[in-house]
PDB file of N, CA and C in Angstrom:
ATOM      1  N   MET A   1     -13.613   0.773  -5.076  1.00  0.00           N
ATOM      2  CA  MET A   1     -14.821   0.991  -4.324  1.00  0.00           C
ATOM      3  C   MET A   1     -15.469   2.287  -4.771  1.00  0.00           C
ATOM      4  N   LYS A   2     -16.755   2.264  -4.806  1.00  0.00           N
ATOM      5  CA  LYS A   2     -17.484   3.477  -5.130  1.00  0.00           C
ATOM      6  C   LYS A   2     -17.675   4.292  -3.855  1.00  0.00           C
ATOM      7  N   ARG A   3     -18.059   5.509  -4.017  1.00  0.00           N
ATOM      8  CA  ARG A   3     -18.201   6.421  -2.877  1.00  0.00           C
ATOM      9  C   ARG A   3     -19.170   5.876  -1.829  1.00  0.00           C
ATOM     10  N   ASN A   4     -20.273   5.287  -2.261  1.00  0.00           N
ATOM     11  CA  ASN A   4     -21.239   4.738  -1.317  1.00  0.00           C
ATOM     12  C   ASN A   4     -20.669   3.549  -0.560  1.00  0.00           C
ATOM     13  N   ASP A   5     -19.836   2.748  -1.215  1.00  0.00           N
ATOM     14  CA  ASP A   5     -19.197   1.615  -0.548  1.00  0.00           C
ATOM     15  C   ASP A   5     -18.228   2.099   0.526  1.00  0.00           C
ATOM     16  N   ILE A   6     -17.539   3.186   0.243  1.00  0.00           N
ATOM     17  CA  ILE A   6     -16.601   3.735   1.211  1.00  0.00           C
ATOM     18  C   ILE A   6     -17.350   4.256   2.439  1.00  0.00           C
ATOM     19  N   LYS A   7     -18.461   4.932   2.212  1.00  0.00           N
ATOM     20  CA  LYS A   7     -19.268   5.431   3.329  1.00  0.00           C
ATOM     21  C   LYS A   7     -19.868   4.280   4.133  1.00  0.00           C
ATOM     22  N   ALA A   8     -20.175   3.177   3.469  1.00  0.00           N
ATOM     23  CA  ALA A   8     -20.794   2.032   4.143  1.00  0.00           C
ATOM     24  C   ALA A   8     -19.807   1.296   5.051  1.00  0.00           C
ATOM     25  N   LEU A   9     -18.514   1.533   4.893  1.00  0.00           N
ATOM     26  CA  LEU A   9     -17.523   0.884   5.750  1.00  0.00           C
ATOM     27  C   LEU A   9     -17.756   1.232   7.217  1.00  0.00           C
ATOM     28  N   LYS A  10     -18.202   2.455   7.478  1.00  0.00           N
ATOM     29  CA  LYS A  10     -18.418   2.896   8.858  1.00  0.00           C
ATOM     30  C   LYS A  10     -19.590   2.173   9.516  1.00  0.00           C
ATOM     31  N   GLU A  11     -20.495   1.635   8.720  1.00  0.00           N
ATOM     32  CA  GLU A  11     -21.673   0.971   9.260  1.00  0.00           C
ATOM     33  C   GLU A  11     -21.470  -0.530   9.459  1.00  0.00           C
ATOM     34  N   LYS A  12     -20.403  -1.079   8.911  1.00  0.00           N
ATOM     35  CA  LYS A  12     -20.156  -2.512   9.017  1.00  0.00           C
ATOM     36  C   LYS A  12     -19.543  -2.855  10.362  1.00  0.00           C
ATOM     37  N   THR A  13     -19.721  -4.106  10.776  1.00  0.00           N
ATOM     38  CA  THR A  13     -19.133  -4.573  12.022  1.00  0.00           C
ATOM     39  C   THR A  13     -17.667  -4.925  11.791  1.00  0.00           C
ATOM     40  N   ASP A  14     -16.956  -5.118  12.900  1.00  0.00           N
ATOM     41  CA  ASP A  14     -15.545  -5.495  12.799  1.00  0.00           C
ATOM     42  C   ASP A  14     -15.384  -6.825  12.080  1.00  0.00           C
ATOM     43  N   ALA A  15     -16.278  -7.770  12.355  1.00  0.00           N
ATOM     44  CA  ALA A  15     -16.198  -9.081  11.709  1.00  0.00           C
ATOM     45  C   ALA A  15     -16.413  -8.970  10.206  1.00  0.00           C
ATOM     46  N   GLN A  16     -17.355  -8.142   9.796  1.00  0.00           N
ATOM     47  CA  GLN A  16     -17.612  -7.952   8.368  1.00  0.00           C
ATOM     48  C   GLN A  16     -16.409  -7.303   7.687  1.00  0.00           C
ATOM     49  N   LEU A  17     -15.804  -6.334   8.358  1.00  0.00           N
ATOM     50  CA  LEU A  17     -14.634  -5.668   7.784  1.00  0.00           C
ATOM     51  C   LEU A  17     -13.456  -6.623   7.670  1.00  0.00           C
ATOM     52  N   THR A  18     -13.273  -7.468   8.682  1.00  0.00           N
ATOM     53  CA  THR A  18     -12.176  -8.433   8.639  1.00  0.00           C
ATOM     54  C   THR A  18     -12.382  -9.432   7.510  1.00  0.00           C
ATOM     55  N   LYS A  19     -13.616  -9.858   7.325  1.00  0.00           N
ATOM     56  CA  LYS A  19     -13.933 -10.794   6.242  1.00  0.00           C
ATOM     57  C   LYS A  19     -13.701 -10.130   4.884  1.00  0.00           C
ATOM     58  N   GLN A  20     -14.121  -8.886   4.753  1.00  0.00           N
ATOM     59  CA  GLN A  20     -13.918  -8.151   3.507  1.00  0.00           C
ATOM     60  C   GLN A  20     -12.430  -7.952   3.244  1.00  0.00           C
ATOM     61  N   LEU A  21     -11.675  -7.680   4.294  1.00  0.00           N
ATOM     62  CA  LEU A  21     -10.234  -7.482   4.163  1.00  0.00           C
ATOM     63  C   LEU A  21      -9.544  -8.739   3.649  1.00  0.00           C
ATOM     64  N   SER A  22      -9.898  -9.879   4.197  1.00  0.00           N
ATOM     65  CA  SER A  22      -9.267 -11.123   3.744  1.00  0.00           C
ATOM     66  C   SER A  22      -9.636 -11.423   2.291  1.00  0.00           C
ATOM     67  N   GLY A  23     -10.872 -11.140   1.901  1.00  0.00           N
ATOM     68  CA  GLY A  23     -11.286 -11.332   0.510  1.00  0.00           C
ATOM     69  C   GLY A  23     -10.526 -10.431  -0.442  1.00  0.00           C
ATOM     70  N   LEU A  24     -10.339  -9.183  -0.043  1.00  0.00           N
ATOM     71  CA  LEU A  24      -9.599  -8.239  -0.882  1.00  0.00           C
ATOM     72  C   LEU A  24      -8.135  -8.641  -1.013  1.00  0.00           C
ATOM     73  N   GLU A  25      -7.546  -9.148   0.066  1.00  0.00           N
ATOM     74  CA  GLU A  25      -6.153  -9.569   0.003  1.00  0.00           C
ATOM     75  C   GLU A  25      -5.966 -10.759  -0.935  1.00  0.00           C
ATOM     76  N   ILE A  26      -6.933 -11.676  -0.939  1.00  0.00           N
ATOM     77  CA  ILE A  26      -6.884 -12.812  -1.865  1.00  0.00           C
ATOM     78  C   ILE A  26      -7.002 -12.328  -3.307  1.00  0.00           C
ATOM     79  N   GLU A  27      -7.946 -11.415  -3.544  1.00  0.00           N
ATOM     80  CA  GLU A  27      -8.118 -10.857  -4.891  1.00  0.00           C
ATOM     81  C   GLU A  27      -6.849 -10.145  -5.356  1.00  0.00           C
ATOM     82  N   LEU A  28      -6.208  -9.420  -4.441  1.00  0.00           N
ATOM     83  CA  LEU A  28      -4.988  -8.699  -4.787  1.00  0.00           C
ATOM     84  C   LEU A  28      -3.879  -9.669  -5.184  1.00  0.00           C
ATOM     85  N   ALA A  29      -3.741 -10.750  -4.444  1.00  0.00           N
ATOM     86  CA  ALA A  29      -2.708 -11.735  -4.771  1.00  0.00           C
ATOM     87  C   ALA A  29      -2.953 -12.334  -6.157  1.00  0.00           C
ATOM     88  N   LYS A  30      -4.208 -12.658  -6.444  1.00  0.00           N
ATOM     89  CA  LYS A  30      -4.542 -13.209  -7.762  1.00  0.00           C
ATOM     90  C   LYS A  30      -4.266 -12.196  -8.864  1.00  0.00           C
ATOM     91  N   ALA A  31      -4.641 -10.941  -8.626  1.00  0.00           N
ATOM     92  CA  ALA A  31      -4.446  -9.906  -9.634  1.00  0.00           C
ATOM     93  C   ALA A  31      -2.957  -9.676  -9.913  1.00  0.00           C
ATOM     94  N   ARG A  32      -2.141  -9.722  -8.866  1.00  0.00           N
ATOM     95  CA  ARG A  32      -0.703  -9.545  -9.068  1.00  0.00           C
ATOM     96  C   ARG A  32      -0.103 -10.688  -9.881  1.00  0.00           C
ATOM     97  N   LEU A  33      -0.553 -11.910  -9.602  1.00  0.00           N
ATOM     98  CA  LEU A  33      -0.071 -13.058 -10.371  1.00  0.00           C
ATOM     99  C   LEU A  33      -0.476 -12.960 -11.835  1.00  0.00           C
ATOM    100  N   GLU A  34      -1.731 -12.587 -12.065  1.00  0.00           N
ATOM    101  CA  GLU A  34      -2.210 -12.456 -13.439  1.00  0.00           C
ATOM    102  C   GLU A  34      -1.489 -11.324 -14.171  1.00  0.00           C
ATOM    103  N   LYS A  35      -1.151 -10.259 -13.465  1.00  0.00           N
ATOM    104  CA  LYS A  35      -0.446  -9.150 -14.107  1.00  0.00           C
ATOM    105  C   LYS A  35       0.955  -9.588 -14.522  1.00  0.00           C
ATOM    106  N   LYS A  36       1.623 -10.352 -13.662  1.00  0.00           N
ATOM    107  CA  LYS A  36       2.957 -10.841 -14.011  1.00  0.00           C
ATOM    108  C   LYS A  36       2.910 -11.825 -15.171  1.00  0.00           C
ATOM    109  N   ALA A  37       1.818 -12.579 -15.291  1.00  0.00           N
ATOM    110  CA  ALA A  37       1.669 -13.544 -16.368  1.00  0.00           C
ATOM    111  C   ALA A  37       1.125 -12.887 -17.635  1.00  0.00           C
ATOM    112  N   MET A  38       0.939 -11.562 -17.585  1.00  0.00           N
ATOM    113  CA  MET A  38       0.423 -10.789 -18.725  1.00  0.00           C
ATOM    114  C   MET A  38      -0.982 -11.232 -19.144  1.00  0.00           C
ATOM    115  N   LYS A  39      -1.789 -11.652 -18.195  1.00  0.00           N
ATOM    116  CA  LYS A  39      -3.148 -12.088 -18.499  1.00  0.00           C
ATOM    117  C   LYS A  39      -4.197 -11.142 -17.936  1.00  0.00           C
ATOM    118  N   LEU A  40      -3.772 -10.033 -17.391  1.00  0.00           N
ATOM    119  CA  LEU A  40      -4.695  -9.093 -16.764  1.00  0.00           C
ATOM    120  C   LEU A  40      -5.010  -7.972 -17.756  1.00  0.00           C
ATOM    121  N   ASP A  41      -6.301  -7.802 -18.051  1.00  0.00           N
ATOM    122  CA  ASP A  41      -6.709  -6.752 -18.980  1.00  0.00           C
ATOM    123  C   ASP A  41      -6.595  -5.371 -18.334  1.00  0.00           C
ATOM    124  N   ASN A  42      -7.089  -5.254 -17.110  1.00  0.00           N
ATOM    125  CA  ASN A  42      -7.050  -3.987 -16.393  1.00  0.00           C
ATOM    126  C   ASN A  42      -5.804  -3.963 -15.514  1.00  0.00           C
ATOM    127  N   THR A  43      -4.753  -3.324 -15.992  1.00  0.00           N
ATOM    128  CA  THR A  43      -3.483  -3.348 -15.272  1.00  0.00           C
ATOM    129  C   THR A  43      -3.492  -2.466 -14.026  1.00  0.00           C
ATOM    130  N   THR A  44      -4.507  -1.651 -13.845  1.00  0.00           N
ATOM    131  CA  THR A  44      -4.590  -0.822 -12.642  1.00  0.00           C
ATOM    132  C   THR A  44      -5.335  -1.533 -11.514  1.00  0.00           C
ATOM    133  N   LEU A  45      -5.834  -2.716 -11.765  1.00  0.00           N
ATOM    134  CA  LEU A  45      -6.603  -3.440 -10.751  1.00  0.00           C
ATOM    135  C   LEU A  45      -5.811  -3.708  -9.473  1.00  0.00           C
ATOM    136  N   PRO A  46      -4.554  -4.142  -9.540  1.00  0.00           N
ATOM    137  CA  PRO A  46      -3.820  -4.357  -8.284  1.00  0.00           C
ATOM    138  C   PRO A  46      -3.717  -3.091  -7.425  1.00  0.00           C
ATOM    139  N   ARG A  47      -3.495  -1.957  -8.049  1.00  0.00           N
ATOM    140  CA  ARG A  47      -3.396  -0.703  -7.293  1.00  0.00           C
ATOM    141  C   ARG A  47      -4.743  -0.335  -6.677  1.00  0.00           C
ATOM    142  N   THR A  48      -5.826  -0.541  -7.409  1.00  0.00           N
ATOM    143  CA  THR A  48      -7.156  -0.251  -6.902  1.00  0.00           C
ATOM    144  C   THR A  48      -7.476  -1.135  -5.698  1.00  0.00           C
ATOM    145  N   LEU A  49      -7.136  -2.414  -5.801  1.00  0.00           N
ATOM    146  CA  LEU A  49      -7.375  -3.328  -4.689  1.00  0.00           C
ATOM    147  C   LEU A  49      -6.530  -2.950  -3.480  1.00  0.00           C
ATOM    148  N   ALA A  50      -5.297  -2.535  -3.712  1.00  0.00           N
ATOM    149  CA  ALA A  50      -4.437  -2.109  -2.610  1.00  0.00           C
ATOM    150  C   ALA A  50      -5.025  -0.886  -1.908  1.00  0.00           C
ATOM    151  N   ASP A  51      -5.593   0.025  -2.675  1.00  0.00           N
ATOM    152  CA  ASP A  51      -6.241   1.202  -2.090  1.00  0.00           C
ATOM    153  C   ASP A  51      -7.452   0.795  -1.252  1.00  0.00           C
ATOM    154  N   ASP A  52      -8.230  -0.164  -1.746  1.00  0.00           N
ATOM    155  CA  ASP A  52      -9.394  -0.652  -1.004  1.00  0.00           C
ATOM    156  C   ASP A  52      -8.976  -1.320   0.304  1.00  0.00           C
ATOM    157  N   ILE A  53      -7.890  -2.089   0.257  1.00  0.00           N
ATOM    158  CA  ILE A  53      -7.369  -2.732   1.459  1.00  0.00           C
ATOM    159  C   ILE A  53      -6.960  -1.668   2.474  1.00  0.00           C
ATOM    160  N   ALA A  54      -6.320  -0.621   2.015  1.00  0.00           N
ATOM    161  CA  ALA A  54      -5.902   0.461   2.901  1.00  0.00           C
ATOM    162  C   ALA A  54      -7.103   1.141   3.550  1.00  0.00           C
ATOM    163  N   ARG A  55      -8.172   1.311   2.797  1.00  0.00           N
ATOM    164  CA  ARG A  55      -9.377   1.929   3.359  1.00  0.00           C
ATOM    165  C   ARG A  55      -9.970   1.072   4.478  1.00  0.00           C
ATOM    166  N   VAL A  56     -10.039  -0.233   4.252  1.00  0.00           N
ATOM    167  CA  VAL A  56     -10.605  -1.133   5.255  1.00  0.00           C
ATOM    168  C   VAL A  56      -9.710  -1.169   6.498  1.00  0.00           C
ATOM    169  N   LYS A  57      -8.402  -1.246   6.293  1.00  0.00           N
ATOM    170  CA  LYS A  57      -7.479  -1.265   7.427  1.00  0.00           C
ATOM    171  C   LYS A  57      -7.547   0.046   8.215  1.00  0.00           C
ATOM    172  N   THR A  58      -7.725   1.140   7.519  1.00  0.00           N
ATOM    173  CA  THR A  58      -7.835   2.436   8.180  1.00  0.00           C
ATOM    174  C   THR A  58      -9.071   2.483   9.069  1.00  0.00           C
ATOM    175  N   GLU A  59     -10.171   1.977   8.569  1.00  0.00           N
ATOM    176  CA  GLU A  59     -11.405   1.962   9.367  1.00  0.00           C
ATOM    177  C   GLU A  59     -11.247   1.058  10.593  1.00  0.00           C
ATOM    178  N   LEU A  60     -10.617  -0.094  10.430  1.00  0.00           N
ATOM    179  CA  LEU A  60     -10.392  -0.982  11.574  1.00  0.00           C
ATOM    180  C   LEU A  60      -9.493  -0.313  12.611  1.00  0.00           C
ATOM    181  N   ARG A  61      -8.454   0.357  12.156  1.00  0.00           N
ATOM    182  CA  ARG A  61      -7.535   1.039  13.074  1.00  0.00           C
ATOM    183  C   ARG A  61      -8.220   2.204  13.770  1.00  0.00           C
ATOM    184  N   ARG A  62      -9.068   2.928  13.057  1.00  0.00           N
ATOM    185  CA  ARG A  62      -9.802   4.051  13.644  1.00  0.00           C
ATOM    186  C   ARG A  62     -10.675   3.563  14.787  1.00  0.00           C
ATOM    187  N   ARG A  63     -11.354   2.444  14.571  1.00  0.00           N
ATOM    188  CA  ARG A  63     -12.197   1.868  15.620  1.00  0.00           C
ATOM    189  C   ARG A  63     -11.362   1.402  16.804  1.00  0.00           C
ATOM    190  N   GLU A  64     -10.222   0.841  16.528  1.00  0.00           N
ATOM    191  CA  GLU A  64      -9.343   0.371  17.598  1.00  0.00           C
ATOM    192  C   GLU A  64      -8.905   1.535  18.487  1.00  0.00           C
ATOM    193  N   LEU A  65      -8.578   2.652  17.860  1.00  0.00           N
ATOM    194  CA  LEU A  65      -8.125   3.812  18.625  1.00  0.00           C
ATOM    195  C   LEU A  65      -9.274   4.468  19.390  1.00  0.00           C
ATOM    196  N   LEU A  66     -10.464   4.439  18.845  1.00  0.00           N
ATOM    197  CA  LEU A  66     -11.618   5.041  19.525  1.00  0.00           C
ATOM    198  C   LEU A  66     -12.048   4.214  20.736  1.00  0.00           C
ATOM    199  N   ASN A  67     -11.806   2.914  20.709  1.00  0.00           N
ATOM    200  CA  ASN A  67     -12.223   2.038  21.805  1.00  0.00           C
ATOM    201  C   ASN A  67     -11.264   2.058  22.975  1.00  0.00           C
ATOM    202  N   LYS A  68     -10.129   2.695  22.829  1.00  0.00           N
ATOM    203  CA  LYS A  68      -9.151   2.717  23.938  1.00  0.00           C
ATOM    204  C   LYS A  68      -9.535   3.724  24.982  1.00  0.00           C
TER     205      LYS A  68
END
């Protein structure tokens, strides 16, 4: 994610974040399979996707704690 995408996470709704999270998890699974099959050109892609997933989960958790 680029810096502007990270800042935009705060403006998205919970539904949008959940949808983005599920998409990222699917991409991560595909990237891991391709890496094991030695078909992935960018070998850092799984780690990057995992970092993006963590960012989205962090924002969802932050909202959950603020709403209590």
